[in-house]
Amino acid sequence: MSGGVFADRVVVVTGGGSGIGRAAAVAFAVQGARCVVVTGRRVEPLKETAGLHSAIVPVVADVRSVAGADAVAAVVPGVVDVLVHNAGILRPTPVGSFELDDVREVLETNVVGPLILTRRLLPLMSRSGANIVFVSSVVGQRRAAPGTSVLAAGKAAQDNLTRSWAVELAPRGIRVNAVAPGGVKSAAMKLTPSPEQLRRMSLVGRRGEPEEVATWITRLAEPSSGFVTGQILPIDGGMGLAAL
């Protein structure tokens, strides 16, 4: 048995092929998790993530579907101690000219997927101290922008799932929390903001690193955080305050 905060624990991280999901998977593995199952729809990014630590197990699965959730459950070694809902997608959805397929994809990924996967894995979350952590976003709280209304709605829904499930699952000994990142570097963010733009985006004058979010995902799931549930933690360099 390996040592560490998450020794002998089993973790599932959706959207683990890059960015915050990859950083979180590595963080759990480094801190002793016995198995970290990472999901995604693309083979090569998942292989790259799995190559970073021997405890990481890649599963190509679309967790918006029942079949995808079943594929994840099939490789879980017995129990699930931590479930991280990180998979997300951004499609521009201006209110006057959105594509209905884009709306469905965003909401299915951010809302329907977590519902389906949690329902499938909940019977496996039987050990005391199990955790669910959502990777929400500052856009679901106060940093809305033109063309992102559907994403904001999906992230706001995740925040409400966090609070509702914290109440509903407390009798099972399951804690539910969320992190709400903003302005974090990712492969999807191709443009490099100017120093002035960065100052407007956050109080610290820079974008965050995926590892800075992963730190708080693991922190919320630690046994030492056992008195914390139903909370949404902004990790945005003050972006939400900068928008006021």
C-alpha atoms as a PDB file:
ATOM      1  CA  MET A   1       0.000   0.000   0.000  1.00  0.00           C
ATOM      2  CA  SER A   2       1.398   3.385  -0.936  1.00  0.00           C
ATOM      3  CA  GLY A   3       1.606   6.222   1.576  1.00  0.00           C
ATOM      4  CA  GLY A   4       0.089   9.659   1.321  1.00  0.00           C
ATOM      5  CA  VAL A   5      -3.136  11.498   2.058  1.00  0.00           C
ATOM      6  CA  PHE A   6      -5.082   9.372  -0.428  1.00  0.00           C
ATOM      7  CA  ALA A   7      -3.388   6.045   0.258  1.00  0.00           C
ATOM      8  CA  ASP A   8      -5.517   3.089  -0.863  1.00  0.00           C
ATOM      9  CA  ARG A   9      -8.127   5.491  -2.298  1.00  0.00           C
ATOM     10  CA  VAL A  10      -9.782   5.281  -5.710  1.00  0.00           C
ATOM     11  CA  VAL A  11     -10.458   8.472  -7.647  1.00  0.00           C
ATOM     12  CA  VAL A  12     -12.398   9.189 -10.847  1.00  0.00           C
ATOM     13  CA  VAL A  13     -11.649  12.397 -12.780  1.00  0.00           C
ATOM     14  CA  THR A  14     -13.687  13.249 -15.857  1.00  0.00           C
ATOM     15  CA  GLY A  15     -12.105  15.290 -18.623  1.00  0.00           C
ATOM     16  CA  GLY A  16      -8.659  14.151 -17.567  1.00  0.00           C
ATOM     17  CA  GLY A  17      -6.892  14.556 -20.897  1.00  0.00           C
ATOM     18  CA  SER A  18      -5.591  18.059 -20.281  1.00  0.00           C
ATOM     19  CA  GLY A  19      -5.685  21.151 -18.121  1.00  0.00           C
ATOM     20  CA  ILE A  20      -7.262  21.025 -14.689  1.00  0.00           C
ATOM     21  CA  GLY A  21      -8.386  17.423 -15.083  1.00  0.00           C
ATOM     22  CA  ARG A  22      -4.888  16.221 -15.899  1.00  0.00           C
ATOM     23  CA  ALA A  23      -3.365  18.270 -13.076  1.00  0.00           C
ATOM     24  CA  ALA A  24      -5.914  16.898 -10.607  1.00  0.00           C
ATOM     25  CA  ALA A  25      -5.309  13.298 -11.685  1.00  0.00           C
ATOM     26  CA  VAL A  26      -1.560  13.684 -11.174  1.00  0.00           C
ATOM     27  CA  ALA A  27      -2.066  15.407  -7.823  1.00  0.00           C
ATOM     28  CA  PHE A  28      -4.219  12.561  -6.485  1.00  0.00           C
ATOM     29  CA  ALA A  29      -1.754   9.971  -7.784  1.00  0.00           C
ATOM     30  CA  VAL A  30       1.256  11.728  -6.277  1.00  0.00           C
ATOM     31  CA  GLN A  31      -0.561  11.921  -2.959  1.00  0.00           C
ATOM     32  CA  GLY A  32      -0.911   8.154  -2.836  1.00  0.00           C
ATOM     33  CA  ALA A  33      -4.158   7.228  -4.589  1.00  0.00           C
ATOM     34  CA  ARG A  34      -4.180   3.549  -5.499  1.00  0.00           C
ATOM     35  CA  CYS A  35      -6.064   4.145  -8.746  1.00  0.00           C
ATOM     36  CA  VAL A  36      -7.010   7.342 -10.570  1.00  0.00           C
ATOM     37  CA  VAL A  37      -9.428   6.680 -13.423  1.00  0.00           C
ATOM     38  CA  VAL A  38      -9.395   9.493 -15.984  1.00  0.00           C
ATOM     39  CA  THR A  39     -12.022   9.795 -18.679  1.00  0.00           C
ATOM     40  CA  GLY A  40     -12.196  11.615 -21.992  1.00  0.00           C
ATOM     41  CA  ARG A  41     -13.281  11.191 -25.576  1.00  0.00           C
ATOM     42  CA  ARG A  42      -9.813  11.339 -27.176  1.00  0.00           C
ATOM     43  CA  VAL A  43      -7.305   8.525 -26.858  1.00  0.00           C
ATOM     44  CA  GLU A  44      -3.980  10.344 -27.202  1.00  0.00           C
ATOM     45  CA  PRO A  45      -4.476  13.032 -24.503  1.00  0.00           C
ATOM     46  CA  LEU A  46      -5.580  10.335 -22.063  1.00  0.00           C
ATOM     47  CA  LYS A  47      -2.495   8.287 -22.855  1.00  0.00           C
ATOM     48  CA  GLU A  48      -0.350  11.334 -22.174  1.00  0.00           C
ATOM     49  CA  THR A  49      -2.017  11.815 -18.810  1.00  0.00           C
ATOM     50  CA  ALA A  50      -1.624   8.141 -17.919  1.00  0.00           C
ATOM     51  CA  GLY A  51       2.065   8.355 -18.800  1.00  0.00           C
ATOM     52  CA  LEU A  52       2.621  10.831 -15.981  1.00  0.00           C
ATOM     53  CA  HIS A  53       1.998   8.317 -13.177  1.00  0.00           C
ATOM     54  CA  SER A  54       1.549   4.560 -12.918  1.00  0.00           C
ATOM     55  CA  ALA A  55      -1.607   4.885 -10.801  1.00  0.00           C
ATOM     56  CA  ILE A  56      -3.520   6.690 -13.564  1.00  0.00           C
ATOM     57  CA  VAL A  57      -5.864   4.518 -15.640  1.00  0.00           C
ATOM     58  CA  PRO A  58      -7.279   6.047 -18.857  1.00  0.00           C
ATOM     59  CA  VAL A  59     -10.781   5.233 -20.070  1.00  0.00           C
ATOM     60  CA  VAL A  60     -12.109   6.513 -23.383  1.00  0.00           C
ATOM     61  CA  ALA A  61     -15.731   7.262 -22.515  1.00  0.00           C
ATOM     62  CA  ASP A  62     -18.371   9.873 -23.174  1.00  0.00           C
ATOM     63  CA  VAL A  63     -19.731  10.335 -19.667  1.00  0.00           C
ATOM     64  CA  ARG A  64     -22.790  12.147 -21.011  1.00  0.00           C
ATOM     65  CA  SER A  65     -24.177   8.712 -21.851  1.00  0.00           C
ATOM     66  CA  VAL A  66     -25.233   5.681 -19.851  1.00  0.00           C
ATOM     67  CA  ALA A  67     -22.809   3.570 -21.885  1.00  0.00           C
ATOM     68  CA  GLY A  68     -19.972   5.928 -21.000  1.00  0.00           C
ATOM     69  CA  ALA A  69     -20.812   5.776 -17.296  1.00  0.00           C
ATOM     70  CA  ASP A  70     -20.920   1.985 -17.491  1.00  0.00           C
ATOM     71  CA  ALA A  71     -17.475   1.980 -19.136  1.00  0.00           C
ATOM     72  CA  VAL A  72     -16.069   3.970 -16.226  1.00  0.00           C
ATOM     73  CA  ALA A  73     -17.696   1.719 -13.627  1.00  0.00           C
ATOM     74  CA  ALA A  74     -16.284  -1.348 -15.378  1.00  0.00           C
ATOM     75  CA  VAL A  75     -12.674  -0.362 -14.632  1.00  0.00           C
ATOM     76  CA  VAL A  76     -13.168   0.954 -11.098  1.00  0.00           C
ATOM     77  CA  PRO A  77     -11.484  -1.424  -8.632  1.00  0.00           C
ATOM     78  CA  GLY A  78     -14.332  -1.995  -6.226  1.00  0.00           C
ATOM     79  CA  VAL A  79     -15.094   1.399  -4.716  1.00  0.00           C
ATOM     80  CA  VAL A  80     -14.978   5.095  -5.552  1.00  0.00           C
ATOM     81  CA  ASP A  81     -13.676   7.418  -2.862  1.00  0.00           C
ATOM     82  CA  VAL A  82     -13.485  10.652  -4.867  1.00  0.00           C
ATOM     83  CA  LEU A  83     -15.456  11.651  -7.961  1.00  0.00           C
ATOM     84  CA  VAL A  84     -14.302  14.824  -9.723  1.00  0.00           C
ATOM     85  CA  HIS A  85     -16.719  16.239 -12.293  1.00  0.00           C
ATOM     86  CA  ASN A  86     -14.282  18.219 -14.411  1.00  0.00           C
ATOM     87  CA  ALA A  87     -15.424  17.497 -17.978  1.00  0.00           C
ATOM     88  CA  GLY A  88     -16.699  20.661 -19.600  1.00  0.00           C
ATOM     89  CA  ILE A  89     -17.098  22.280 -22.971  1.00  0.00           C
ATOM     90  CA  LEU A  90     -17.452  25.831 -24.238  1.00  0.00           C
ATOM     91  CA  ARG A  91     -19.466  26.703 -27.315  1.00  0.00           C
ATOM     92  CA  PRO A  92     -20.381  30.324 -28.140  1.00  0.00           C
ATOM     93  CA  THR A  93     -24.136  30.708 -27.714  1.00  0.00           C
ATOM     94  CA  PRO A  94     -25.160  34.299 -28.430  1.00  0.00           C
ATOM     95  CA  VAL A  95     -28.781  34.675 -27.430  1.00  0.00           C
ATOM     96  CA  GLY A  96     -29.951  35.814 -30.851  1.00  0.00           C
ATOM     97  CA  SER A  97     -28.073  33.337 -33.013  1.00  0.00           C
ATOM     98  CA  PHE A  98     -27.140  30.220 -31.077  1.00  0.00           C
ATOM     99  CA  GLU A  99     -27.049  26.743 -32.584  1.00  0.00           C
ATOM    100  CA  LEU A 100     -29.342  24.333 -30.771  1.00  0.00           C
ATOM    101  CA  ASP A 101     -26.768  21.529 -31.056  1.00  0.00           C
ATOM    102  CA  ASP A 102     -24.235  23.731 -29.225  1.00  0.00           C
ATOM    103  CA  VAL A 103     -26.718  24.422 -26.434  1.00  0.00           C
ATOM    104  CA  ARG A 104     -27.429  20.735 -26.013  1.00  0.00           C
ATOM    105  CA  GLU A 105     -23.732  19.809 -26.021  1.00  0.00           C
ATOM    106  CA  VAL A 106     -22.858  22.372 -23.350  1.00  0.00           C
ATOM    107  CA  LEU A 107     -25.729  21.442 -21.045  1.00  0.00           C
ATOM    108  CA  GLU A 108     -25.325  17.701 -21.559  1.00  0.00           C
ATOM    109  CA  THR A 109     -21.632  17.924 -20.729  1.00  0.00           C
ATOM    110  CA  ASN A 110     -21.950  20.215 -17.728  1.00  0.00           C
ATOM    111  CA  VAL A 111     -25.230  19.027 -16.219  1.00  0.00           C
ATOM    112  CA  VAL A 112     -26.585  15.790 -17.681  1.00  0.00           C
ATOM    113  CA  GLY A 113     -23.199  14.031 -17.644  1.00  0.00           C
ATOM    114  CA  PRO A 114     -22.560  14.546 -13.921  1.00  0.00           C
ATOM    115  CA  LEU A 115     -26.096  13.362 -13.158  1.00  0.00           C
ATOM    116  CA  ILE A 116     -25.671  10.153 -15.163  1.00  0.00           C
ATOM    117  CA  LEU A 117     -22.188   9.329 -13.887  1.00  0.00           C
ATOM    118  CA  THR A 118     -23.017  10.069 -10.253  1.00  0.00           C
ATOM    119  CA  ARG A 119     -26.096   7.869 -10.422  1.00  0.00           C
ATOM    120  CA  ARG A 120     -23.987   5.029 -11.840  1.00  0.00           C
ATOM    121  CA  LEU A 121     -21.101   5.341  -9.363  1.00  0.00           C
ATOM    122  CA  LEU A 122     -23.079   6.177  -6.232  1.00  0.00           C
ATOM    123  CA  PRO A 123     -23.505   2.513  -5.218  1.00  0.00           C
ATOM    124  CA  LEU A 124     -19.693   2.238  -5.309  1.00  0.00           C
ATOM    125  CA  MET A 125     -19.204   5.228  -2.999  1.00  0.00           C
ATOM    126  CA  SER A 126     -19.743   3.112   0.069  1.00  0.00           C
ATOM    127  CA  ARG A 127     -16.712   3.916   2.208  1.00  0.00           C
ATOM    128  CA  SER A 128     -17.009   6.590   4.868  1.00  0.00           C
ATOM    129  CA  GLY A 129     -15.556   9.916   3.808  1.00  0.00           C
ATOM    130  CA  ALA A 130     -16.336   9.706   0.082  1.00  0.00           C
ATOM    131  CA  ASN A 131     -16.312  12.960  -1.851  1.00  0.00           C
ATOM    132  CA  ILE A 132     -17.731  14.573  -4.958  1.00  0.00           C
ATOM    133  CA  VAL A 133     -15.996  17.694  -6.297  1.00  0.00           C
ATOM    134  CA  PHE A 134     -17.348  19.774  -9.162  1.00  0.00           C
ATOM    135  CA  VAL A 135     -15.091  21.955 -11.292  1.00  0.00           C
ATOM    136  CA  SER A 136     -17.515  24.811 -11.819  1.00  0.00           C
ATOM    137  CA  SER A 137     -16.548  28.309 -12.988  1.00  0.00           C
ATOM    138  CA  VAL A 138     -16.617  31.927 -12.006  1.00  0.00           C
ATOM    139  CA  VAL A 139     -18.936  32.487 -14.998  1.00  0.00           C
ATOM    140  CA  GLY A 140     -21.661  30.653 -13.116  1.00  0.00           C
ATOM    141  CA  GLN A 141     -21.512  33.202 -10.324  1.00  0.00           C
ATOM    142  CA  ARG A 142     -20.816  36.761 -11.386  1.00  0.00           C
ATOM    143  CA  ARG A 143     -18.372  36.934 -14.329  1.00  0.00           C
ATOM    144  CA  ALA A 144     -20.764  36.496 -17.235  1.00  0.00           C
ATOM    145  CA  ALA A 145     -19.765  37.569 -20.742  1.00  0.00           C
ATOM    146  CA  PRO A 146     -21.600  37.954 -24.068  1.00  0.00           C
ATOM    147  CA  GLY A 147     -22.121  34.636 -25.805  1.00  0.00           C
ATOM    148  CA  THR A 148     -21.550  32.538 -22.682  1.00  0.00           C
ATOM    149  CA  SER A 149     -25.056  32.479 -21.218  1.00  0.00           C
ATOM    150  CA  VAL A 150     -25.535  28.728 -21.715  1.00  0.00           C
ATOM    151  CA  LEU A 151     -22.157  27.917 -20.190  1.00  0.00           C
ATOM    152  CA  ALA A 152     -22.992  30.217 -17.273  1.00  0.00           C
ATOM    153  CA  ALA A 153     -26.344  28.488 -16.837  1.00  0.00           C
ATOM    154  CA  GLY A 154     -24.657  25.079 -16.834  1.00  0.00           C
ATOM    155  CA  LYS A 155     -22.076  26.145 -14.273  1.00  0.00           C
ATOM    156  CA  ALA A 156     -24.756  27.746 -12.091  1.00  0.00           C
ATOM    157  CA  ALA A 157     -26.569  24.410 -12.265  1.00  0.00           C
ATOM    158  CA  GLN A 158     -23.397  22.675 -11.047  1.00  0.00           C
ATOM    159  CA  ASP A 159     -23.254  25.065  -8.099  1.00  0.00           C
ATOM    160  CA  ASN A 160     -26.827  24.191  -7.211  1.00  0.00           C
ATOM    161  CA  LEU A 161     -26.139  20.473  -7.604  1.00  0.00           C
ATOM    162  CA  THR A 162     -23.238  20.941  -5.199  1.00  0.00           C
ATOM    163  CA  ARG A 163     -25.460  22.435  -2.521  1.00  0.00           C
ATOM    164  CA  SER A 164     -28.413  20.107  -3.111  1.00  0.00           C
ATOM    165  CA  TRP A 165     -26.333  16.938  -3.170  1.00  0.00           C
ATOM    166  CA  ALA A 166     -24.433  18.023  -0.058  1.00  0.00           C
ATOM    167  CA  VAL A 167     -27.763  17.916   1.776  1.00  0.00           C
ATOM    168  CA  GLU A 168     -29.090  14.785   0.068  1.00  0.00           C
ATOM    169  CA  LEU A 169     -25.914  12.708   0.379  1.00  0.00           C
ATOM    170  CA  ALA A 170     -24.872  13.748   3.892  1.00  0.00           C
ATOM    171  CA  PRO A 171     -26.676  10.762   5.464  1.00  0.00           C
ATOM    172  CA  ARG A 172     -24.471   8.495   3.319  1.00  0.00           C
ATOM    173  CA  GLY A 173     -21.327  10.200   4.634  1.00  0.00           C
ATOM    174  CA  ILE A 174     -20.567  11.784   1.240  1.00  0.00           C
ATOM    175  CA  ARG A 175     -19.361  15.376   1.091  1.00  0.00           C
ATOM    176  CA  VAL A 176     -19.967  17.499  -2.012  1.00  0.00           C
ATOM    177  CA  ASN A 177     -18.041  20.669  -2.840  1.00  0.00           C
ATOM    178  CA  ALA A 178     -16.965  22.651  -5.884  1.00  0.00           C
ATOM    179  CA  VAL A 179     -14.145  24.835  -7.079  1.00  0.00           C
ATOM    180  CA  ALA A 180     -14.969  27.777  -9.339  1.00  0.00           C
ATOM    181  CA  PRO A 181     -11.893  28.633 -11.428  1.00  0.00           C
ATOM    182  CA  GLY A 182     -11.539  31.673 -13.623  1.00  0.00           C
ATOM    183  CA  GLY A 183      -8.840  32.749 -16.053  1.00  0.00           C
ATOM    184  CA  VAL A 184      -6.891  29.480 -15.909  1.00  0.00           C
ATOM    185  CA  LYS A 185      -4.492  28.528 -18.706  1.00  0.00           C
ATOM    186  CA  SER A 186      -5.843  25.820 -20.970  1.00  0.00           C
ATOM    187  CA  ALA A 187      -5.391  24.377 -24.430  1.00  0.00           C
ATOM    188  CA  ALA A 188      -8.749  25.885 -25.372  1.00  0.00           C
ATOM    189  CA  MET A 189      -7.549  29.392 -24.572  1.00  0.00           C
ATOM    190  CA  LYS A 190      -5.438  30.200 -27.613  1.00  0.00           C
ATOM    191  CA  LEU A 191      -5.141  33.984 -27.275  1.00  0.00           C
ATOM    192  CA  THR A 192      -2.508  35.619 -25.075  1.00  0.00           C
ATOM    193  CA  PRO A 193      -4.056  38.508 -23.141  1.00  0.00           C
ATOM    194  CA  SER A 194      -2.140  41.768 -22.890  1.00  0.00           C
ATOM    195  CA  PRO A 195      -0.916  42.953 -19.461  1.00  0.00           C
ATOM    196  CA  GLU A 196      -3.797  45.436 -19.391  1.00  0.00           C
ATOM    197  CA  GLN A 197      -6.316  42.720 -20.181  1.00  0.00           C
ATOM    198  CA  LEU A 198      -4.847  40.520 -17.462  1.00  0.00           C
ATOM    199  CA  ARG A 199      -5.180  43.343 -14.946  1.00  0.00           C
ATOM    200  CA  ARG A 200      -8.851  43.637 -15.848  1.00  0.00           C
ATOM    201  CA  MET A 201      -9.323  39.859 -15.681  1.00  0.00           C
ATOM    202  CA  SER A 202      -7.890  39.328 -12.201  1.00  0.00           C
ATOM    203  CA  LEU A 203      -6.500  41.160  -9.223  1.00  0.00           C
ATOM    204  CA  VAL A 204      -3.207  39.268  -9.364  1.00  0.00           C
ATOM    205  CA  GLY A 205      -2.513  40.293 -12.976  1.00  0.00           C
ATOM    206  CA  ARG A 206      -2.069  36.847 -14.498  1.00  0.00           C
ATOM    207  CA  ARG A 207      -3.872  33.678 -15.476  1.00  0.00           C
ATOM    208  CA  GLY A 208      -3.888  30.735 -13.133  1.00  0.00           C
ATOM    209  CA  GLU A 209      -2.117  27.429 -13.634  1.00  0.00           C
ATOM    210  CA  PRO A 210      -4.120  24.171 -13.701  1.00  0.00           C
ATOM    211  CA  GLU A 211      -2.034  22.915 -10.790  1.00  0.00           C
ATOM    212  CA  GLU A 212      -3.231  25.830  -8.654  1.00  0.00           C
ATOM    213  CA  VAL A 213      -6.795  24.612  -9.066  1.00  0.00           C
ATOM    214  CA  ALA A 214      -5.852  20.962  -8.601  1.00  0.00           C
ATOM    215  CA  THR A 215      -4.364  21.836  -5.216  1.00  0.00           C
ATOM    216  CA  TRP A 216      -7.783  22.870  -3.968  1.00  0.00           C
ATOM    217  CA  ILE A 217      -9.598  19.947  -5.554  1.00  0.00           C
ATOM    218  CA  THR A 218      -7.442  17.550  -3.569  1.00  0.00           C
ATOM    219  CA  ARG A 219      -7.651  19.764  -0.497  1.00  0.00           C
ATOM    220  CA  LEU A 220     -11.444  19.628  -0.478  1.00  0.00           C
ATOM    221  CA  ALA A 221     -11.328  15.831  -0.793  1.00  0.00           C
ATOM    222  CA  GLU A 222      -8.860  15.319   2.056  1.00  0.00           C
ATOM    223  CA  PRO A 223     -10.061  13.790   5.338  1.00  0.00           C
ATOM    224  CA  SER A 224      -8.789  16.926   7.097  1.00  0.00           C
ATOM    225  CA  SER A 225     -11.502  18.887   5.247  1.00  0.00           C
ATOM    226  CA  GLY A 226     -14.225  16.693   6.700  1.00  0.00           C
ATOM    227  CA  PHE A 227     -16.151  19.670   8.123  1.00  0.00           C
ATOM    228  CA  VAL A 228     -16.518  21.298   4.697  1.00  0.00           C
ATOM    229  CA  THR A 229     -19.469  20.444   2.458  1.00  0.00           C
ATOM    230  CA  GLY A 230     -21.838  22.259   0.131  1.00  0.00           C
ATOM    231  CA  GLN A 231     -19.284  24.978  -0.616  1.00  0.00           C
ATOM    232  CA  ILE A 232     -18.214  26.594  -3.889  1.00  0.00           C
ATOM    233  CA  LEU A 233     -14.654  27.898  -3.654  1.00  0.00           C
ATOM    234  CA  PRO A 234     -13.617  30.614  -6.154  1.00  0.00           C
ATOM    235  CA  ILE A 235     -10.081  30.125  -7.476  1.00  0.00           C
ATOM    236  CA  ASP A 236      -9.876  33.014  -9.894  1.00  0.00           C
ATOM    237  CA  GLY A 237      -7.167  35.440  -8.824  1.00  0.00           C
ATOM    238  CA  GLY A 238      -9.921  37.797  -7.716  1.00  0.00           C
ATOM    239  CA  MET A 239     -11.545  37.780 -11.170  1.00  0.00           C
ATOM    240  CA  GLY A 240     -15.019  37.756  -9.665  1.00  0.00           C
ATOM    241  CA  LEU A 241     -14.203  40.819  -7.579  1.00  0.00           C
ATOM    242  CA  ALA A 242     -12.555  42.547 -10.521  1.00  0.00           C
ATOM    243  CA  ALA A 243     -15.867  42.296 -12.344  1.00  0.00           C
ATOM    244  CA  LEU A 244     -17.706  44.317  -9.701  1.00  0.00           C
END
